[in-house]
Amino acid sequence: MIHQQWTETPTLRMLTCVHTDAKKYVVNEVLTVGKQYELKNETDEFYFVIDNTGKMAGFYKEYFEG
């Protein structure tokens, strides 16, 4: 299963968090505005990054730029 090895995969690029104003989910505890995150995988709707807890997580693309 590829998701179990994402933390060891090469970083695709760096993304900067631009906001944590979520309508439905609490993301301000795991993302910091202005901080750069390593992009490990991407889908049409989500970026998969290593968040502030050190774990891989998927977030809507609207939270990032870069």
PDB file of N, CA and C in Angstrom:
ATOM      1  N   MET A   1       0.834  -1.174   0.000  1.00  0.00           N
ATOM      2  CA  MET A   1       0.000   0.000   0.000  1.00  0.00           C
ATOM      3  C   MET A   1       0.884   1.244   0.000  1.00  0.00           C
ATOM      4  N   ILE A   2       0.705   2.055  -1.023  1.00  0.00           N
ATOM      5  CA  ILE A   2       1.577   3.207  -1.229  1.00  0.00           C
ATOM      6  C   ILE A   2       1.489   4.237  -0.112  1.00  0.00           C
ATOM      7  N   HIS A   3       0.320   4.411   0.495  1.00  0.00           N
ATOM      8  CA  HIS A   3       0.159   5.433   1.539  1.00  0.00           C
ATOM      9  C   HIS A   3       1.008   5.152   2.769  1.00  0.00           C
ATOM     10  N   GLN A   4       1.432   3.914   2.977  1.00  0.00           N
ATOM     11  CA  GLN A   4       2.258   3.581   4.129  1.00  0.00           C
ATOM     12  C   GLN A   4       3.716   4.011   3.933  1.00  0.00           C
ATOM     13  N   GLN A   5       4.100   4.342   2.692  1.00  0.00           N
ATOM     14  CA  GLN A   5       5.477   4.727   2.417  1.00  0.00           C
ATOM     15  C   GLN A   5       5.607   6.172   1.958  1.00  0.00           C
ATOM     16  N   TRP A   6       4.552   6.956   2.020  1.00  0.00           N
ATOM     17  CA  TRP A   6       4.602   8.339   1.551  1.00  0.00           C
ATOM     18  C   TRP A   6       5.616   9.182   2.302  1.00  0.00           C
ATOM     19  N   THR A   7       5.812   8.925   3.582  1.00  0.00           N
ATOM     20  CA  THR A   7       6.749   9.755   4.344  1.00  0.00           C
ATOM     21  C   THR A   7       8.181   9.581   3.847  1.00  0.00           C
ATOM     22  N   GLU A   8       8.503   8.438   3.248  1.00  0.00           N
ATOM     23  CA  GLU A   8       9.849   8.202   2.732  1.00  0.00           C
ATOM     24  C   GLU A   8      10.006   8.583   1.259  1.00  0.00           C
ATOM     25  N   THR A   9       8.919   8.890   0.567  1.00  0.00           N
ATOM     26  CA  THR A   9       9.018   9.240  -0.849  1.00  0.00           C
ATOM     27  C   THR A   9       9.639  10.620  -1.011  1.00  0.00           C
ATOM     28  N   PRO A  10      10.265  10.877  -2.154  1.00  0.00           N
ATOM     29  CA  PRO A  10      10.848  12.212  -2.379  1.00  0.00           C
ATOM     30  C   PRO A  10       9.756  13.287  -2.378  1.00  0.00           C
ATOM     31  N   THR A  11      10.124  14.450  -1.893  1.00  0.00           N
ATOM     32  CA  THR A  11       9.201  15.581  -1.867  1.00  0.00           C
ATOM     33  C   THR A  11       8.993  16.097  -3.285  1.00  0.00           C
ATOM     34  N   LEU A  12       7.731  16.276  -3.689  1.00  0.00           N
ATOM     35  CA  LEU A  12       7.436  16.782  -5.029  1.00  0.00           C
ATOM     36  C   LEU A  12       7.761  18.264  -5.134  1.00  0.00           C
ATOM     37  N   ARG A  13       7.345  19.035  -4.131  1.00  0.00           N
ATOM     38  CA  ARG A  13       7.657  20.462  -4.030  1.00  0.00           C
ATOM     39  C   ARG A  13       7.206  20.948  -2.659  1.00  0.00           C
ATOM     40  N   MET A  14       7.565  22.175  -2.354  1.00  0.00           N
ATOM     41  CA  MET A  14       7.171  22.770  -1.075  1.00  0.00           C
ATOM     42  C   MET A  14       5.918  23.625  -1.283  1.00  0.00           C
ATOM     43  N   LEU A  15       4.998  23.545  -0.337  1.00  0.00           N
ATOM     44  CA  LEU A  15       3.766  24.337  -0.364  1.00  0.00           C
ATOM     45  C   LEU A  15       3.730  25.227   0.864  1.00  0.00           C
ATOM     46  N   THR A  16       3.153  26.409   0.719  1.00  0.00           N
ATOM     47  CA  THR A  16       2.992  27.328   1.836  1.00  0.00           C
ATOM     48  C   THR A  16       1.525  27.384   2.236  1.00  0.00           C
ATOM     49  N   CYS A  17       1.254  27.229   3.515  1.00  0.00           N
ATOM     50  CA  CYS A  17      -0.110  27.323   4.026  1.00  0.00           C
ATOM     51  C   CYS A  17      -0.540  28.788   4.020  1.00  0.00           C
ATOM     52  N   VAL A  18      -1.675  29.083   3.391  1.00  0.00           N
ATOM     53  CA  VAL A  18      -2.137  30.470   3.276  1.00  0.00           C
ATOM     54  C   VAL A  18      -3.278  30.798   4.240  1.00  0.00           C
ATOM     55  N   HIS A  19      -4.006  29.795   4.697  1.00  0.00           N
ATOM     56  CA  HIS A  19      -5.047  30.030   5.709  1.00  0.00           C
ATOM     57  C   HIS A  19      -5.467  28.713   6.335  1.00  0.00           C
ATOM     58  N   THR A  20      -6.111  28.814   7.480  1.00  0.00           N
ATOM     59  CA  THR A  20      -6.640  27.638   8.174  1.00  0.00           C
ATOM     60  C   THR A  20      -8.103  27.846   8.531  1.00  0.00           C
ATOM     61  N   ASP A  21      -8.785  28.661   7.746  1.00  0.00           N
ATOM     62  CA  ASP A  21     -10.199  28.971   7.986  1.00  0.00           C
ATOM     63  C   ASP A  21     -11.082  27.879   7.384  1.00  0.00           C
ATOM     64  N   ALA A  22     -11.212  26.787   8.082  1.00  0.00           N
ATOM     65  CA  ALA A  22     -12.000  25.662   7.596  1.00  0.00           C
ATOM     66  C   ALA A  22     -13.463  25.838   7.972  1.00  0.00           C
ATOM     67  N   LYS A  23     -14.347  25.476   7.063  1.00  0.00           N
ATOM     68  CA  LYS A  23     -15.776  25.571   7.313  1.00  0.00           C
ATOM     69  C   LYS A  23     -16.280  24.392   8.142  1.00  0.00           C
ATOM     70  N   LYS A  24     -15.658  23.225   7.929  1.00  0.00           N
ATOM     71  CA  LYS A  24     -16.193  22.016   8.533  1.00  0.00           C
ATOM     72  C   LYS A  24     -15.196  21.311   9.461  1.00  0.00           C
ATOM     73  N   TYR A  25     -13.905  21.427   9.181  1.00  0.00           N
ATOM     74  CA  TYR A  25     -12.896  20.678   9.920  1.00  0.00           C
ATOM     75  C   TYR A  25     -11.994  21.619  10.721  1.00  0.00           C
ATOM     76  N   VAL A  26     -11.340  21.105  11.731  1.00  0.00           N
ATOM     77  CA  VAL A  26     -10.394  21.879  12.529  1.00  0.00           C
ATOM     78  C   VAL A  26      -8.998  21.617  11.966  1.00  0.00           C
ATOM     79  N   VAL A  27      -8.458  22.582  11.246  1.00  0.00           N
ATOM     80  CA  VAL A  27      -7.123  22.405  10.677  1.00  0.00           C
ATOM     81  C   VAL A  27      -6.093  23.326  11.319  1.00  0.00           C
ATOM     82  N   ASN A  28      -6.532  24.296  12.110  1.00  0.00           N
ATOM     83  CA  ASN A  28      -5.576  25.227  12.706  1.00  0.00           C
ATOM     84  C   ASN A  28      -4.710  24.571  13.774  1.00  0.00           C
ATOM     85  N   GLU A  29      -5.039  23.356  14.197  1.00  0.00           N
ATOM     86  CA  GLU A  29      -4.215  22.636  15.163  1.00  0.00           C
ATOM     87  C   GLU A  29      -3.107  21.835  14.493  1.00  0.00           C
ATOM     88  N   VAL A  30      -3.219  21.599  13.183  1.00  0.00           N
ATOM     89  CA  VAL A  30      -2.216  20.784  12.495  1.00  0.00           C
ATOM     90  C   VAL A  30      -1.512  21.518  11.363  1.00  0.00           C
ATOM     91  N   LEU A  31      -1.991  22.706  11.000  1.00  0.00           N
ATOM     92  CA  LEU A  31      -1.340  23.545   9.999  1.00  0.00           C
ATOM     93  C   LEU A  31      -1.075  24.925  10.590  1.00  0.00           C
ATOM     94  N   THR A  32      -0.001  25.562  10.130  1.00  0.00           N
ATOM     95  CA  THR A  32       0.353  26.906  10.576  1.00  0.00           C
ATOM     96  C   THR A  32       0.431  27.813   9.361  1.00  0.00           C
ATOM     97  N   VAL A  33      -0.277  28.931   9.410  1.00  0.00           N
ATOM     98  CA  VAL A  33      -0.264  29.883   8.299  1.00  0.00           C
ATOM     99  C   VAL A  33       1.159  30.420   8.122  1.00  0.00           C
ATOM    100  N   GLY A  34       1.622  30.409   6.872  1.00  0.00           N
ATOM    101  CA  GLY A  34       2.950  30.902   6.550  1.00  0.00           C
ATOM    102  C   GLY A  34       4.036  29.844   6.576  1.00  0.00           C
ATOM    103  N   LYS A  35       3.765  28.697   7.152  1.00  0.00           N
ATOM    104  CA  LYS A  35       4.749  27.623   7.222  1.00  0.00           C
ATOM    105  C   LYS A  35       4.749  26.828   5.922  1.00  0.00           C
ATOM    106  N   GLN A  36       5.927  26.332   5.541  1.00  0.00           N
ATOM    107  CA  GLN A  36       6.037  25.513   4.339  1.00  0.00           C
ATOM    108  C   GLN A  36       5.957  24.040   4.706  1.00  0.00           C
ATOM    109  N   TYR A  37       5.284  23.290   3.844  1.00  0.00           N
ATOM    110  CA  TYR A  37       5.087  21.861   4.041  1.00  0.00           C
ATOM    111  C   TYR A  37       5.557  21.102   2.813  1.00  0.00           C
ATOM    112  N   GLU A  38       6.050  19.885   3.033  1.00  0.00           N
ATOM    113  CA  GLU A  38       6.519  19.030   1.954  1.00  0.00           C
ATOM    114  C   GLU A  38       5.331  18.328   1.295  1.00  0.00           C
ATOM    115  N   LEU A  39       5.172  18.539  -0.005  1.00  0.00           N
ATOM    116  CA  LEU A  39       4.117  17.849  -0.756  1.00  0.00           C
ATOM    117  C   LEU A  39       4.617  16.462  -1.120  1.00  0.00           C
ATOM    118  N   LYS A  40       3.910  15.446  -0.665  1.00  0.00           N
ATOM    119  CA  LYS A  40       4.303  14.056  -0.919  1.00  0.00           C
ATOM    120  C   LYS A  40       3.446  13.396  -1.989  1.00  0.00           C
ATOM    121  N   ASN A  41       2.178  13.806  -2.093  1.00  0.00           N
ATOM    122  CA  ASN A  41       1.289  13.246  -3.106  1.00  0.00           C
ATOM    123  C   ASN A  41       0.169  14.254  -3.350  1.00  0.00           C
ATOM    124  N   GLU A  42      -0.499  14.111  -4.499  1.00  0.00           N
ATOM    125  CA  GLU A  42      -1.516  15.077  -4.895  1.00  0.00           C
ATOM    126  C   GLU A  42      -2.614  14.368  -5.673  1.00  0.00           C
ATOM    127  N   THR A  43      -3.864  14.780  -5.418  1.00  0.00           N
ATOM    128  CA  THR A  43      -4.997  14.331  -6.221  1.00  0.00           C
ATOM    129  C   THR A  43      -5.666  15.574  -6.790  1.00  0.00           C
ATOM    130  N   ASP A  44      -6.778  15.398  -7.474  1.00  0.00           N
ATOM    131  CA  ASP A  44      -7.496  16.546  -8.036  1.00  0.00           C
ATOM    132  C   ASP A  44      -7.973  17.509  -6.953  1.00  0.00           C
ATOM    133  N   GLU A  45      -8.291  16.996  -5.782  1.00  0.00           N
ATOM    134  CA  GLU A  45      -8.901  17.805  -4.731  1.00  0.00           C
ATOM    135  C   GLU A  45      -8.005  18.037  -3.511  1.00  0.00           C
ATOM    136  N   PHE A  46      -7.036  17.144  -3.278  1.00  0.00           N
ATOM    137  CA  PHE A  46      -6.256  17.179  -2.042  1.00  0.00           C
ATOM    138  C   PHE A  46      -4.754  17.230  -2.289  1.00  0.00           C
ATOM    139  N   TYR A  47      -4.054  17.847  -1.317  1.00  0.00           N
ATOM    140  CA  TYR A  47      -2.606  17.740  -1.195  1.00  0.00           C
ATOM    141  C   TYR A  47      -2.337  16.863   0.018  1.00  0.00           C
ATOM    142  N   PHE A  48      -1.370  15.968  -0.089  1.00  0.00           N
ATOM    143  CA  PHE A  48      -0.970  15.130   1.030  1.00  0.00           C
ATOM    144  C   PHE A  48       0.393  15.606   1.501  1.00  0.00           C
ATOM    145  N   VAL A  49       0.414  16.122   2.725  1.00  0.00           N
ATOM    146  CA  VAL A  49       1.628  16.712   3.290  1.00  0.00           C
ATOM    147  C   VAL A  49       1.880  16.113   4.673  1.00  0.00           C
ATOM    148  N   ILE A  50       3.083  16.342   5.183  1.00  0.00           N
ATOM    149  CA  ILE A  50       3.386  15.983   6.561  1.00  0.00           C
ATOM    150  C   ILE A  50       3.045  17.206   7.405  1.00  0.00           C
ATOM    151  N   ASP A  51       2.045  17.070   8.278  1.00  0.00           N
ATOM    152  CA  ASP A  51       1.540  18.220   9.039  1.00  0.00           C
ATOM    153  C   ASP A  51       2.372  18.471  10.300  1.00  0.00           C
ATOM    154  N   ASN A  52       1.909  19.373  11.148  1.00  0.00           N
ATOM    155  CA  ASN A  52       2.645  19.749  12.357  1.00  0.00           C
ATOM    156  C   ASN A  52       2.803  18.611  13.354  1.00  0.00           C
ATOM    157  N   THR A  53       1.979  17.580  13.252  1.00  0.00           N
ATOM    158  CA  THR A  53       2.093  16.438  14.168  1.00  0.00           C
ATOM    159  C   THR A  53       3.143  15.444  13.691  1.00  0.00           C
ATOM    160  N   GLY A  54       3.671  15.666  12.477  1.00  0.00           N
ATOM    161  CA  GLY A  54       4.663  14.750  11.917  1.00  0.00           C
ATOM    162  C   GLY A  54       4.054  13.589  11.160  1.00  0.00           C
ATOM    163  N   LYS A  55       2.740  13.618  10.983  1.00  0.00           N
ATOM    164  CA  LYS A  55       2.040  12.543  10.280  1.00  0.00           C
ATOM    165  C   LYS A  55       1.584  13.009   8.906  1.00  0.00           C
ATOM    166  N   MET A  56       1.392  12.062   8.014  1.00  0.00           N
ATOM    167  CA  MET A  56       0.881  12.345   6.680  1.00  0.00           C
ATOM    168  C   MET A  56      -0.612  12.621   6.778  1.00  0.00           C
ATOM    169  N   ALA A  57      -1.054  13.680   6.104  1.00  0.00           N
ATOM    170  CA  ALA A  57      -2.473  14.023   6.130  1.00  0.00           C
ATOM    171  C   ALA A  57      -2.859  14.664   4.802  1.00  0.00           C
ATOM    172  N   GLY A  58      -4.124  14.506   4.426  1.00  0.00           N
ATOM    173  CA  GLY A  58      -4.644  15.105   3.207  1.00  0.00           C
ATOM    174  C   GLY A  58      -5.462  16.341   3.534  1.00  0.00           C
ATOM    175  N   PHE A  59      -5.199  17.426   2.811  1.00  0.00           N
ATOM    176  CA  PHE A  59      -5.905  18.683   3.024  1.00  0.00           C
ATOM    177  C   PHE A  59      -6.396  19.212   1.687  1.00  0.00           C
ATOM    178  N   TYR A  60      -7.511  19.941   1.712  1.00  0.00           N
ATOM    179  CA  TYR A  60      -7.992  20.584   0.506  1.00  0.00           C
ATOM    180  C   TYR A  60      -6.922  21.529  -0.036  1.00  0.00           C
ATOM    181  N   LYS A  61      -6.853  21.650  -1.329  1.00  0.00           N
ATOM    182  CA  LYS A  61      -5.845  22.485  -1.972  1.00  0.00           C
ATOM    183  C   LYS A  61      -5.991  23.962  -1.629  1.00  0.00           C
ATOM    184  N   GLU A  62      -7.172  24.382  -1.213  1.00  0.00           N
ATOM    185  CA  GLU A  62      -7.429  25.797  -0.917  1.00  0.00           C
ATOM    186  C   GLU A  62      -6.590  26.325   0.244  1.00  0.00           C
ATOM    187  N   TYR A  63      -6.031  25.450   1.077  1.00  0.00           N
ATOM    188  CA  TYR A  63      -5.235  25.894   2.211  1.00  0.00           C
ATOM    189  C   TYR A  63      -3.796  26.254   1.829  1.00  0.00           C
ATOM    190  N   PHE A  64      -3.395  25.957   0.604  1.00  0.00           N
ATOM    191  CA  PHE A  64      -1.997  26.108   0.203  1.00  0.00           C
ATOM    192  C   PHE A  64      -1.827  26.902  -1.075  1.00  0.00           C
ATOM    193  N   GLU A  65      -0.618  27.405  -1.256  1.00  0.00           N
ATOM    194  CA  GLU A  65      -0.196  27.955  -2.535  1.00  0.00           C
ATOM    195  C   GLU A  65       1.230  27.486  -2.773  1.00  0.00           C
ATOM    196  N   GLY A  66       1.581  27.433  -4.015  1.00  0.00           N
ATOM    197  CA  GLY A  66       2.951  27.016  -4.327  1.00  0.00           C
ATOM    198  C   GLY A  66       2.922  25.886  -5.258  1.00  0.00           C
TER     199      GLY A  66
END
